[in-house]
Amino acid sequence: MIGSIGLCPALSSASGLPTTLRVAHVDLDYVYDPDPLQTRRNTDVLVRRIIDLGVNTVFLQAFADPTGDGLIRALYFPNRHLPMRADLFKPVSDRLRNEAGVVVFAWMPVLAFDLRKDLPRVRRWQPGTGTAGATDTDTDTRQYQRLSPFDADARSAIEEIYEDLSRHTLLDGLLFHDDALLGDFEDASDAALTTYKTHGFPASVRALRADARLFQRWTRLKTRTLTQFTLRLLDRAQAGQTQRVMTARNIYARPVLDPESRAWFSQDFDDYLSHYDVVAVMAMPLMEGITPQ
């Protein structure tokens, strides 16, 4: 996937990025092969294409998702929590940086890691029954299966993954994946409900949705929680680097085009512009329910 992003000169100077970003999203699942020689050949082709396309910034996937279901069960770097499909992120990023002369962002999940079963997952309040159900791909195919950002143990494990990435390779930047979202019926996990109560909210999604002002404040709390967690992940990654690590974050198009839809994702374009070097708007019409003309 290739795209261009324009930056104001002041931001470009402060971040170390070119004034205009010509960005390629690169999926390492298409580079990896069980045969190391074929992986090397695939990498040769990738580097050549990046050069030929005039790309100056690469968002390089650091996780494996060969099934495409969005639940991350393996990574492309050594770490403490998940299997390593192959030690591929570092050699590919080094070649892209050294041979193609590009800036490389590690494209990383935020919540959708398949970690220990005892860690709480994001749960969706079911309005028909008044109960919470796990939002995995079997029960809600519209969303990722995610760890709850309100649970300290889950956050700690994810932070360690980012720390391991930083210890293993040079990082120009981090791209936070679009799994960092909470829907307008989420999160109804016990950890989340406890957090709401400590912030003065009722520990009930039904009650939060029933009051318009409470609902707005609740949405803001969730949006802020996700943003603050990504910045904490940045801190953990930055600690292992000698240069400043830049940031980018994916955002769905609907929260940009329709302010009311911010509650459906707990994503806020203005908030992102204040906290990240780059905001990557995901322009995918079919996902947004827009049919081709």
C-alpha atoms as a PDB file:
ATOM      1  CA  MET A   1       0.000   0.000   0.000  1.00  0.00           C
ATOM      2  CA  ILE A   2       1.470   3.368  -1.075  1.00  0.00           C
ATOM      3  CA  GLY A   3       0.303   6.786   0.059  1.00  0.00           C
ATOM      4  CA  SER A   4       1.529  10.358   0.381  1.00  0.00           C
ATOM      5  CA  ILE A   5       1.216  12.573   3.451  1.00  0.00           C
ATOM      6  CA  GLY A   6       2.113  16.260   3.529  1.00  0.00           C
ATOM      7  CA  LEU A   7       3.647  17.787   6.654  1.00  0.00           C
ATOM      8  CA  CYS A   8       4.045  21.427   7.527  1.00  0.00           C
ATOM      9  CA  PRO A   9       7.738  22.513   7.413  1.00  0.00           C
ATOM     10  CA  ALA A  10       7.849  23.155  11.183  1.00  0.00           C
ATOM     11  CA  LEU A  11       6.613  19.665  12.014  1.00  0.00           C
ATOM     12  CA  SER A  12       8.919  18.115   9.444  1.00  0.00           C
ATOM     13  CA  SER A  13      11.922  19.880  10.952  1.00  0.00           C
ATOM     14  CA  ALA A  14      10.982  18.945  14.517  1.00  0.00           C
ATOM     15  CA  SER A  15      10.354  15.285  13.721  1.00  0.00           C
ATOM     16  CA  GLY A  16      13.178  14.641  11.276  1.00  0.00           C
ATOM     17  CA  LEU A  17      10.693  13.539   8.611  1.00  0.00           C
ATOM     18  CA  PRO A  18      10.626  14.742   4.988  1.00  0.00           C
ATOM     19  CA  THR A  19       8.154  17.547   4.239  1.00  0.00           C
ATOM     20  CA  THR A  20       6.176  15.122   2.077  1.00  0.00           C
ATOM     21  CA  LEU A  21       5.993  11.482   3.135  1.00  0.00           C
ATOM     22  CA  ARG A  22       5.688   8.885   0.413  1.00  0.00           C
ATOM     23  CA  VAL A  23       4.723   5.939   2.561  1.00  0.00           C
ATOM     24  CA  ALA A  24       4.584   2.209   1.908  1.00  0.00           C
ATOM     25  CA  HIS A  25       2.856  -0.191   4.298  1.00  0.00           C
ATOM     26  CA  VAL A  26       4.859  -3.417   4.089  1.00  0.00           C
ATOM     27  CA  ASP A  27       3.413  -6.728   5.283  1.00  0.00           C
ATOM     28  CA  LEU A  28       6.229  -9.033   6.374  1.00  0.00           C
ATOM     29  CA  ASP A  29       3.918 -12.030   6.013  1.00  0.00           C
ATOM     30  CA  TYR A  30       4.471 -11.685   2.255  1.00  0.00           C
ATOM     31  CA  VAL A  31       8.250 -11.472   2.669  1.00  0.00           C
ATOM     32  CA  TYR A  32       8.612 -14.434   5.030  1.00  0.00           C
ATOM     33  CA  ASP A  33       9.152 -17.910   3.622  1.00  0.00           C
ATOM     34  CA  PRO A  34      10.086 -21.125   5.469  1.00  0.00           C
ATOM     35  CA  ASP A  35      13.089 -21.290   3.130  1.00  0.00           C
ATOM     36  CA  PRO A  36      15.622 -18.633   4.282  1.00  0.00           C
ATOM     37  CA  LEU A  37      16.993 -18.313   0.749  1.00  0.00           C
ATOM     38  CA  GLN A  38      13.540 -17.469  -0.590  1.00  0.00           C
ATOM     39  CA  THR A  39      13.069 -14.952   2.227  1.00  0.00           C
ATOM     40  CA  ARG A  40      16.315 -13.320   1.132  1.00  0.00           C
ATOM     41  CA  ARG A  41      15.149 -13.208  -2.480  1.00  0.00           C
ATOM     42  CA  ASN A  42      11.821 -11.714  -1.382  1.00  0.00           C
ATOM     43  CA  THR A  43      13.689  -9.055   0.596  1.00  0.00           C
ATOM     44  CA  ASP A  44      15.812  -8.234  -2.459  1.00  0.00           C
ATOM     45  CA  VAL A  45      12.639  -7.647  -4.480  1.00  0.00           C
ATOM     46  CA  LEU A  46      11.101  -5.528  -1.710  1.00  0.00           C
ATOM     47  CA  VAL A  47      14.135  -3.243  -1.429  1.00  0.00           C
ATOM     48  CA  ARG A  48      14.259  -2.785  -5.205  1.00  0.00           C
ATOM     49  CA  ARG A  49      10.559  -1.903  -5.375  1.00  0.00           C
ATOM     50  CA  ILE A  50      10.818   0.602  -2.539  1.00  0.00           C
ATOM     51  CA  ILE A  51      13.660   2.328  -4.387  1.00  0.00           C
ATOM     52  CA  ASP A  52      11.845   2.265  -7.736  1.00  0.00           C
ATOM     53  CA  LEU A  53       8.644   3.708  -6.228  1.00  0.00           C
ATOM     54  CA  GLY A  54      10.478   6.651  -4.674  1.00  0.00           C
ATOM     55  CA  VAL A  55       9.233   5.764  -1.201  1.00  0.00           C
ATOM     56  CA  ASN A  56      10.878   7.660   1.664  1.00  0.00           C
ATOM     57  CA  THR A  57       9.014   6.163   4.639  1.00  0.00           C
ATOM     58  CA  VAL A  58       8.094   2.533   5.323  1.00  0.00           C
ATOM     59  CA  PHE A  59       5.574   1.296   7.874  1.00  0.00           C
ATOM     60  CA  LEU A  60       7.041  -2.188   8.371  1.00  0.00           C
ATOM     61  CA  GLN A  61       4.906  -4.844  10.039  1.00  0.00           C
ATOM     62  CA  ALA A  62       6.704  -6.308  13.073  1.00  0.00           C
ATOM     63  CA  PHE A  63       4.007  -8.896  13.822  1.00  0.00           C
ATOM     64  CA  ALA A  64       2.781 -12.025  12.073  1.00  0.00           C
ATOM     65  CA  ASP A  65      -0.850 -12.367  11.006  1.00  0.00           C
ATOM     66  CA  PRO A  66      -0.834 -14.997   8.237  1.00  0.00           C
ATOM     67  CA  THR A  67      -4.511 -15.898   8.791  1.00  0.00           C
ATOM     68  CA  GLY A  68      -5.595 -12.262   8.563  1.00  0.00           C
ATOM     69  CA  ASP A  69      -7.911 -12.453  11.578  1.00  0.00           C
ATOM     70  CA  GLY A  70      -6.115  -9.661  13.441  1.00  0.00           C
ATOM     71  CA  LEU A  71      -5.268 -11.721  16.539  1.00  0.00           C
ATOM     72  CA  ILE A  72      -1.496 -11.627  16.917  1.00  0.00           C
ATOM     73  CA  ARG A  73      -0.050 -15.008  17.883  1.00  0.00           C
ATOM     74  CA  ALA A  74       3.560 -14.519  16.749  1.00  0.00           C
ATOM     75  CA  LEU A  75       6.062 -11.732  16.139  1.00  0.00           C
ATOM     76  CA  TYR A  76       9.014 -11.110  13.840  1.00  0.00           C
ATOM     77  CA  PHE A  77      11.490 -10.355  16.646  1.00  0.00           C
ATOM     78  CA  PRO A  78      12.636 -12.100  19.871  1.00  0.00           C
ATOM     79  CA  ASN A  79      10.391 -11.383  22.843  1.00  0.00           C
ATOM     80  CA  ARG A  80       9.242 -12.737  26.192  1.00  0.00           C
ATOM     81  CA  HIS A  81       5.567 -13.372  25.481  1.00  0.00           C
ATOM     82  CA  LEU A  82       4.833 -14.754  21.997  1.00  0.00           C
ATOM     83  CA  PRO A  83       6.487 -17.172  19.582  1.00  0.00           C
ATOM     84  CA  MET A  84       8.848 -15.675  17.029  1.00  0.00           C
ATOM     85  CA  ARG A  85       7.830 -16.746  13.533  1.00  0.00           C
ATOM     86  CA  ALA A  86      11.226 -15.600  12.248  1.00  0.00           C
ATOM     87  CA  ASP A  87      13.837 -13.042  13.271  1.00  0.00           C
ATOM     88  CA  LEU A  88      12.907 -10.935  10.277  1.00  0.00           C
ATOM     89  CA  PHE A  89      12.072  -7.406  11.370  1.00  0.00           C
ATOM     90  CA  LYS A  90      15.631  -6.295  12.102  1.00  0.00           C
ATOM     91  CA  PRO A  91      17.346  -7.565   8.926  1.00  0.00           C
ATOM     92  CA  VAL A  92      14.595  -6.240   6.663  1.00  0.00           C
ATOM     93  CA  SER A  93      14.435  -2.855   8.397  1.00  0.00           C
ATOM     94  CA  ASP A  94      18.241  -2.565   8.289  1.00  0.00           C
ATOM     95  CA  ARG A  95      18.301  -3.242   4.556  1.00  0.00           C
ATOM     96  CA  LEU A  96      15.487  -0.802   3.845  1.00  0.00           C
ATOM     97  CA  ARG A  97      17.214   1.881   5.871  1.00  0.00           C
ATOM     98  CA  ASN A  98      20.725   1.263   4.523  1.00  0.00           C
ATOM     99  CA  GLU A  99      20.014   0.344   0.888  1.00  0.00           C
ATOM    100  CA  ALA A 100      16.804   2.249   0.134  1.00  0.00           C
ATOM    101  CA  GLY A 101      17.562   5.209   2.396  1.00  0.00           C
ATOM    102  CA  VAL A 102      14.089   5.258   3.952  1.00  0.00           C
ATOM    103  CA  VAL A 103      12.753   6.001   7.421  1.00  0.00           C
ATOM    104  CA  VAL A 104      11.358   2.808   8.962  1.00  0.00           C
ATOM    105  CA  PHE A 105       8.460   2.777  11.429  1.00  0.00           C
ATOM    106  CA  ALA A 106       7.766  -0.464  13.291  1.00  0.00           C
ATOM    107  CA  TRP A 107       4.088  -1.175  12.640  1.00  0.00           C
ATOM    108  CA  MET A 108       2.861  -2.697  15.906  1.00  0.00           C
ATOM    109  CA  PRO A 109      -0.438  -3.818  17.488  1.00  0.00           C
ATOM    110  CA  VAL A 110      -1.560  -2.092  20.671  1.00  0.00           C
ATOM    111  CA  LEU A 111      -4.080  -4.512  22.219  1.00  0.00           C
ATOM    112  CA  ALA A 112      -4.717  -7.487  19.907  1.00  0.00           C
ATOM    113  CA  PHE A 113      -2.090  -9.853  21.312  1.00  0.00           C
ATOM    114  CA  ASP A 114      -2.958 -13.484  22.018  1.00  0.00           C
ATOM    115  CA  LEU A 115      -1.392 -13.538  25.467  1.00  0.00           C
ATOM    116  CA  ARG A 116      -2.212 -15.527  28.620  1.00  0.00           C
ATOM    117  CA  LYS A 117      -5.826 -16.589  28.929  1.00  0.00           C
ATOM    118  CA  ASP A 118      -6.086 -15.172  32.454  1.00  0.00           C
ATOM    119  CA  LEU A 119      -5.530 -11.629  31.148  1.00  0.00           C
ATOM    120  CA  PRO A 120      -8.882  -9.871  30.689  1.00  0.00           C
ATOM    121  CA  ARG A 121     -10.126  -9.173  27.190  1.00  0.00           C
ATOM    122  CA  VAL A 122     -12.231  -6.242  26.066  1.00  0.00           C
ATOM    123  CA  ARG A 123     -15.855  -7.150  26.660  1.00  0.00           C
ATOM    124  CA  ARG A 124     -18.905  -5.746  24.938  1.00  0.00           C
ATOM    125  CA  TRP A 125     -22.100  -4.996  26.823  1.00  0.00           C
ATOM    126  CA  GLN A 126     -24.937  -6.844  25.162  1.00  0.00           C
ATOM    127  CA  PRO A 127     -27.951  -4.501  25.270  1.00  0.00           C
ATOM    128  CA  GLY A 128     -30.414  -7.290  24.580  1.00  0.00           C
ATOM    129  CA  THR A 129     -29.400  -9.272  27.644  1.00  0.00           C
ATOM    130  CA  GLY A 130     -27.586  -6.722  29.758  1.00  0.00           C
ATOM    131  CA  THR A 131     -24.549  -8.986  29.941  1.00  0.00           C
ATOM    132  CA  ALA A 132     -20.987  -8.679  28.692  1.00  0.00           C
ATOM    133  CA  GLY A 133     -19.605 -10.972  26.016  1.00  0.00           C
ATOM    134  CA  ALA A 134     -16.068 -11.376  24.730  1.00  0.00           C
ATOM    135  CA  THR A 135     -15.572  -9.423  21.506  1.00  0.00           C
ATOM    136  CA  ASP A 136     -13.534 -12.044  19.736  1.00  0.00           C
ATOM    137  CA  THR A 137     -13.885 -12.856  16.042  1.00  0.00           C
ATOM    138  CA  ASP A 138     -16.352 -15.644  16.781  1.00  0.00           C
ATOM    139  CA  THR A 139     -18.889 -13.398  18.490  1.00  0.00           C
ATOM    140  CA  ASP A 140     -18.254 -10.009  16.860  1.00  0.00           C
ATOM    141  CA  THR A 141     -16.437 -10.135  13.537  1.00  0.00           C
ATOM    142  CA  ARG A 142     -16.515  -6.338  13.325  1.00  0.00           C
ATOM    143  CA  GLN A 143     -13.856  -5.962  16.002  1.00  0.00           C
ATOM    144  CA  TYR A 144     -10.465  -7.317  16.974  1.00  0.00           C
ATOM    145  CA  GLN A 145     -10.098  -9.571  19.979  1.00  0.00           C
ATOM    146  CA  ARG A 146      -8.219  -7.256  22.321  1.00  0.00           C
ATOM    147  CA  LEU A 147      -6.699  -7.223  25.785  1.00  0.00           C
ATOM    148  CA  SER A 148      -8.340  -4.702  28.079  1.00  0.00           C
ATOM    149  CA  PRO A 149      -6.291  -1.493  28.333  1.00  0.00           C
ATOM    150  CA  PHE A 150      -7.736  -1.018  31.828  1.00  0.00           C
ATOM    151  CA  ASP A 151      -5.948  -4.060  33.274  1.00  0.00           C
ATOM    152  CA  ALA A 152      -2.489  -3.428  34.747  1.00  0.00           C
ATOM    153  CA  ASP A 153      -1.154  -6.933  34.057  1.00  0.00           C
ATOM    154  CA  ALA A 154      -2.238  -6.798  30.416  1.00  0.00           C
ATOM    155  CA  ARG A 155      -0.651  -3.379  29.984  1.00  0.00           C
ATOM    156  CA  SER A 156       2.580  -4.574  31.602  1.00  0.00           C
ATOM    157  CA  ALA A 157       2.881  -7.577  29.265  1.00  0.00           C
ATOM    158  CA  ILE A 158       2.329  -5.404  26.178  1.00  0.00           C
ATOM    159  CA  GLU A 159       4.878  -2.872  27.430  1.00  0.00           C
ATOM    160  CA  GLU A 160       7.429  -5.675  27.740  1.00  0.00           C
ATOM    161  CA  ILE A 161       6.838  -6.641  24.107  1.00  0.00           C
ATOM    162  CA  TYR A 162       7.617  -3.084  23.010  1.00  0.00           C
ATOM    163  CA  GLU A 163      10.665  -3.061  25.261  1.00  0.00           C
ATOM    164  CA  ASP A 164      11.903  -6.287  23.655  1.00  0.00           C
ATOM    165  CA  LEU A 165      11.439  -4.809  20.175  1.00  0.00           C
ATOM    166  CA  SER A 166      13.472  -1.756  21.148  1.00  0.00           C
ATOM    167  CA  ARG A 167      16.284  -3.850  22.615  1.00  0.00           C
ATOM    168  CA  HIS A 168      16.554  -5.870  19.441  1.00  0.00           C
ATOM    169  CA  THR A 169      16.664  -3.247  16.701  1.00  0.00           C
ATOM    170  CA  LEU A 170      17.057   0.395  15.779  1.00  0.00           C
ATOM    171  CA  LEU A 171      13.724   2.210  15.670  1.00  0.00           C
ATOM    172  CA  ASP A 172      13.107   5.316  13.592  1.00  0.00           C
ATOM    173  CA  GLY A 173       9.465   5.308  14.630  1.00  0.00           C
ATOM    174  CA  LEU A 174       6.418   3.377  15.805  1.00  0.00           C
ATOM    175  CA  LEU A 175       3.119   3.057  13.950  1.00  0.00           C
ATOM    176  CA  PHE A 176       0.316   2.150  16.365  1.00  0.00           C
ATOM    177  CA  HIS A 177      -2.108  -0.254  14.704  1.00  0.00           C
ATOM    178  CA  ASP A 178      -5.862   0.318  14.340  1.00  0.00           C
ATOM    179  CA  ASP A 179      -6.637  -2.303  17.030  1.00  0.00           C
ATOM    180  CA  ALA A 180      -6.368   0.557  19.553  1.00  0.00           C
ATOM    181  CA  LEU A 181     -10.103   1.192  19.660  1.00  0.00           C
ATOM    182  CA  LEU A 182     -13.074   0.730  21.973  1.00  0.00           C
ATOM    183  CA  GLY A 183     -16.611   0.662  20.641  1.00  0.00           C
ATOM    184  CA  ASP A 184     -19.575   2.487  22.154  1.00  0.00           C
ATOM    185  CA  PHE A 185     -20.630  -0.711  23.991  1.00  0.00           C
ATOM    186  CA  GLU A 186     -17.074  -1.408  25.226  1.00  0.00           C
ATOM    187  CA  ASP A 187     -15.255  -2.010  27.556  1.00  0.00           C
ATOM    188  CA  ALA A 188     -17.473  -3.914  29.988  1.00  0.00           C
ATOM    189  CA  SER A 189     -14.713  -6.052  31.521  1.00  0.00           C
ATOM    190  CA  ASP A 190     -14.353  -6.108  35.299  1.00  0.00           C
ATOM    191  CA  ALA A 191     -11.095  -4.159  35.066  1.00  0.00           C
ATOM    192  CA  ALA A 192     -12.782  -1.461  33.009  1.00  0.00           C
ATOM    193  CA  LEU A 193     -15.815  -1.178  35.268  1.00  0.00           C
ATOM    194  CA  THR A 194     -13.536  -0.792  38.291  1.00  0.00           C
ATOM    195  CA  THR A 195     -11.641   1.993  36.517  1.00  0.00           C
ATOM    196  CA  TYR A 196     -14.851   3.805  35.629  1.00  0.00           C
ATOM    197  CA  LYS A 197     -15.878   3.748  39.270  1.00  0.00           C
ATOM    198  CA  THR A 198     -12.547   5.263  40.383  1.00  0.00           C
ATOM    199  CA  HIS A 199     -13.152   8.123  37.944  1.00  0.00           C
ATOM    200  CA  GLY A 200     -16.588   8.834  39.380  1.00  0.00           C
ATOM    201  CA  PHE A 201     -18.619   6.976  36.747  1.00  0.00           C
ATOM    202  CA  PRO A 202     -21.245   4.347  37.458  1.00  0.00           C
ATOM    203  CA  ALA A 203     -19.825   0.828  37.050  1.00  0.00           C
ATOM    204  CA  SER A 204     -22.487   0.017  34.476  1.00  0.00           C
ATOM    205  CA  VAL A 205     -22.339   0.436  30.713  1.00  0.00           C
ATOM    206  CA  ARG A 206     -26.129   0.577  30.654  1.00  0.00           C
ATOM    207  CA  ALA A 207     -26.073   3.606  32.971  1.00  0.00           C
ATOM    208  CA  LEU A 208     -23.226   5.250  31.020  1.00  0.00           C
ATOM    209  CA  ARG A 209     -25.146   4.948  27.772  1.00  0.00           C
ATOM    210  CA  ALA A 210     -28.410   6.158  29.275  1.00  0.00           C
ATOM    211  CA  ASP A 211     -27.124   9.667  30.074  1.00  0.00           C
ATOM    212  CA  ALA A 212     -25.884  11.774  27.142  1.00  0.00           C
ATOM    213  CA  ARG A 213     -23.449  13.832  29.210  1.00  0.00           C
ATOM    214  CA  LEU A 214     -22.075  10.765  30.989  1.00  0.00           C
ATOM    215  CA  PHE A 215     -21.735   9.005  27.655  1.00  0.00           C
ATOM    216  CA  GLN A 216     -19.691  11.874  26.238  1.00  0.00           C
ATOM    217  CA  ARG A 217     -17.392  11.957  29.272  1.00  0.00           C
ATOM    218  CA  TRP A 218     -17.032   8.163  29.181  1.00  0.00           C
ATOM    219  CA  THR A 219     -16.029   8.295  25.515  1.00  0.00           C
ATOM    220  CA  ARG A 220     -13.422  10.911  26.324  1.00  0.00           C
ATOM    221  CA  LEU A 221     -12.028   8.761  29.167  1.00  0.00           C
ATOM    222  CA  LYS A 222     -11.640   5.777  26.840  1.00  0.00           C
ATOM    223  CA  THR A 223     -10.065   7.870  24.086  1.00  0.00           C
ATOM    224  CA  ARG A 224      -7.619   9.383  26.562  1.00  0.00           C
ATOM    225  CA  THR A 225      -6.821   5.958  28.047  1.00  0.00           C
ATOM    226  CA  LEU A 226      -5.878   4.549  24.645  1.00  0.00           C
ATOM    227  CA  THR A 227      -3.757   7.571  23.755  1.00  0.00           C
ATOM    228  CA  GLN A 228      -1.956   7.572  27.093  1.00  0.00           C
ATOM    229  CA  PHE A 229      -1.251   3.869  26.759  1.00  0.00           C
ATOM    230  CA  THR A 230       0.360   4.329  23.335  1.00  0.00           C
ATOM    231  CA  LEU A 231       2.521   7.081  24.799  1.00  0.00           C
ATOM    232  CA  ARG A 232       3.527   4.716  27.608  1.00  0.00           C
ATOM    233  CA  LEU A 233       4.484   2.139  24.973  1.00  0.00           C
ATOM    234  CA  LEU A 234       6.548   4.835  23.270  1.00  0.00           C
ATOM    235  CA  ASP A 235       8.348   5.527  26.564  1.00  0.00           C
ATOM    236  CA  ARG A 236       9.226   1.845  26.957  1.00  0.00           C
ATOM    237  CA  ALA A 237      10.534   1.669  23.404  1.00  0.00           C
ATOM    238  CA  GLN A 238      12.365   4.991  23.656  1.00  0.00           C
ATOM    239  CA  ALA A 239      14.307   3.794  26.708  1.00  0.00           C
ATOM    240  CA  GLY A 240      16.216   1.323  24.544  1.00  0.00           C
ATOM    241  CA  GLN A 241      17.141   3.833  21.824  1.00  0.00           C
ATOM    242  CA  THR A 242      19.742   6.578  21.539  1.00  0.00           C
ATOM    243  CA  GLN A 243      17.738   8.619  19.007  1.00  0.00           C
ATOM    244  CA  ARG A 244      14.229  10.023  19.244  1.00  0.00           C
ATOM    245  CA  VAL A 245      11.562   7.518  18.229  1.00  0.00           C
ATOM    246  CA  MET A 246       8.879   9.152  16.059  1.00  0.00           C
ATOM    247  CA  THR A 247       5.215   8.172  16.262  1.00  0.00           C
ATOM    248  CA  ALA A 248       2.352   7.526  13.884  1.00  0.00           C
ATOM    249  CA  ARG A 249      -1.128   6.243  14.609  1.00  0.00           C
ATOM    250  CA  ASN A 250      -3.814   4.772  12.402  1.00  0.00           C
ATOM    251  CA  ILE A 251      -7.310   6.229  12.582  1.00  0.00           C
ATOM    252  CA  TYR A 252     -10.485   5.103  10.849  1.00  0.00           C
ATOM    253  CA  ALA A 253     -11.987   7.548   8.367  1.00  0.00           C
ATOM    254  CA  ARG A 254     -15.354   7.838  10.101  1.00  0.00           C
ATOM    255  CA  PRO A 255     -14.086   9.690  13.223  1.00  0.00           C
ATOM    256  CA  VAL A 256     -12.413  12.197  10.892  1.00  0.00           C
ATOM    257  CA  LEU A 257     -15.488  12.748   8.697  1.00  0.00           C
ATOM    258  CA  ASP A 258     -18.230  12.420  11.308  1.00  0.00           C
ATOM    259  CA  PRO A 259     -17.526  13.727  14.846  1.00  0.00           C
ATOM    260  CA  GLU A 260     -20.401  11.689  16.298  1.00  0.00           C
ATOM    261  CA  SER A 261     -18.674   8.483  15.233  1.00  0.00           C
ATOM    262  CA  ARG A 262     -15.768   9.164  17.580  1.00  0.00           C
ATOM    263  CA  ALA A 263     -17.772   7.336  20.243  1.00  0.00           C
ATOM    264  CA  TRP A 264     -17.962   4.230  18.039  1.00  0.00           C
ATOM    265  CA  PHE A 265     -14.161   3.903  18.051  1.00  0.00           C
ATOM    266  CA  SER A 266     -12.871   6.037  20.964  1.00  0.00           C
ATOM    267  CA  GLN A 267     -10.695   7.769  18.380  1.00  0.00           C
ATOM    268  CA  ASP A 268     -10.285  11.525  17.968  1.00  0.00           C
ATOM    269  CA  PHE A 269      -8.478  13.154  15.038  1.00  0.00           C
ATOM    270  CA  ASP A 270      -7.731  16.417  16.855  1.00  0.00           C
ATOM    271  CA  ASP A 271      -6.378  14.481  19.828  1.00  0.00           C
ATOM    272  CA  TYR A 272      -4.082  12.490  17.553  1.00  0.00           C
ATOM    273  CA  LEU A 273      -2.724  15.607  15.857  1.00  0.00           C
ATOM    274  CA  SER A 274      -1.669  16.832  19.307  1.00  0.00           C
ATOM    275  CA  HIS A 275       0.163  13.651  20.318  1.00  0.00           C
ATOM    276  CA  TYR A 276       1.717  11.969  17.255  1.00  0.00           C
ATOM    277  CA  ASP A 277       4.129  13.026  14.525  1.00  0.00           C
ATOM    278  CA  VAL A 278       1.960  11.446  11.829  1.00  0.00           C
ATOM    279  CA  VAL A 279      -1.730  10.489  11.707  1.00  0.00           C
ATOM    280  CA  ALA A 280      -2.526   7.849   9.089  1.00  0.00           C
ATOM    281  CA  VAL A 281      -6.166   8.007   7.981  1.00  0.00           C
ATOM    282  CA  MET A 282      -7.402   4.610   6.808  1.00  0.00           C
ATOM    283  CA  ALA A 283      -9.232   5.331   3.561  1.00  0.00           C
ATOM    284  CA  MET A 284     -10.997   2.006   2.969  1.00  0.00           C
ATOM    285  CA  PRO A 285     -14.425   2.653   1.414  1.00  0.00           C
ATOM    286  CA  LEU A 286     -15.737  -0.926   1.605  1.00  0.00           C
ATOM    287  CA  MET A 287     -15.006  -1.080   5.341  1.00  0.00           C
ATOM    288  CA  GLU A 288     -16.991   2.126   5.735  1.00  0.00           C
ATOM    289  CA  GLY A 289     -19.938   0.622   3.846  1.00  0.00           C
ATOM    290  CA  ILE A 290     -19.444   2.801   0.742  1.00  0.00           C
ATOM    291  CA  THR A 291     -20.158   0.922  -2.455  1.00  0.00           C
ATOM    292  CA  PRO A 292     -18.247   1.725  -5.682  1.00  0.00           C
ATOM    293  CA  GLN A 293     -20.055   4.080  -8.069  1.00  0.00           C
END
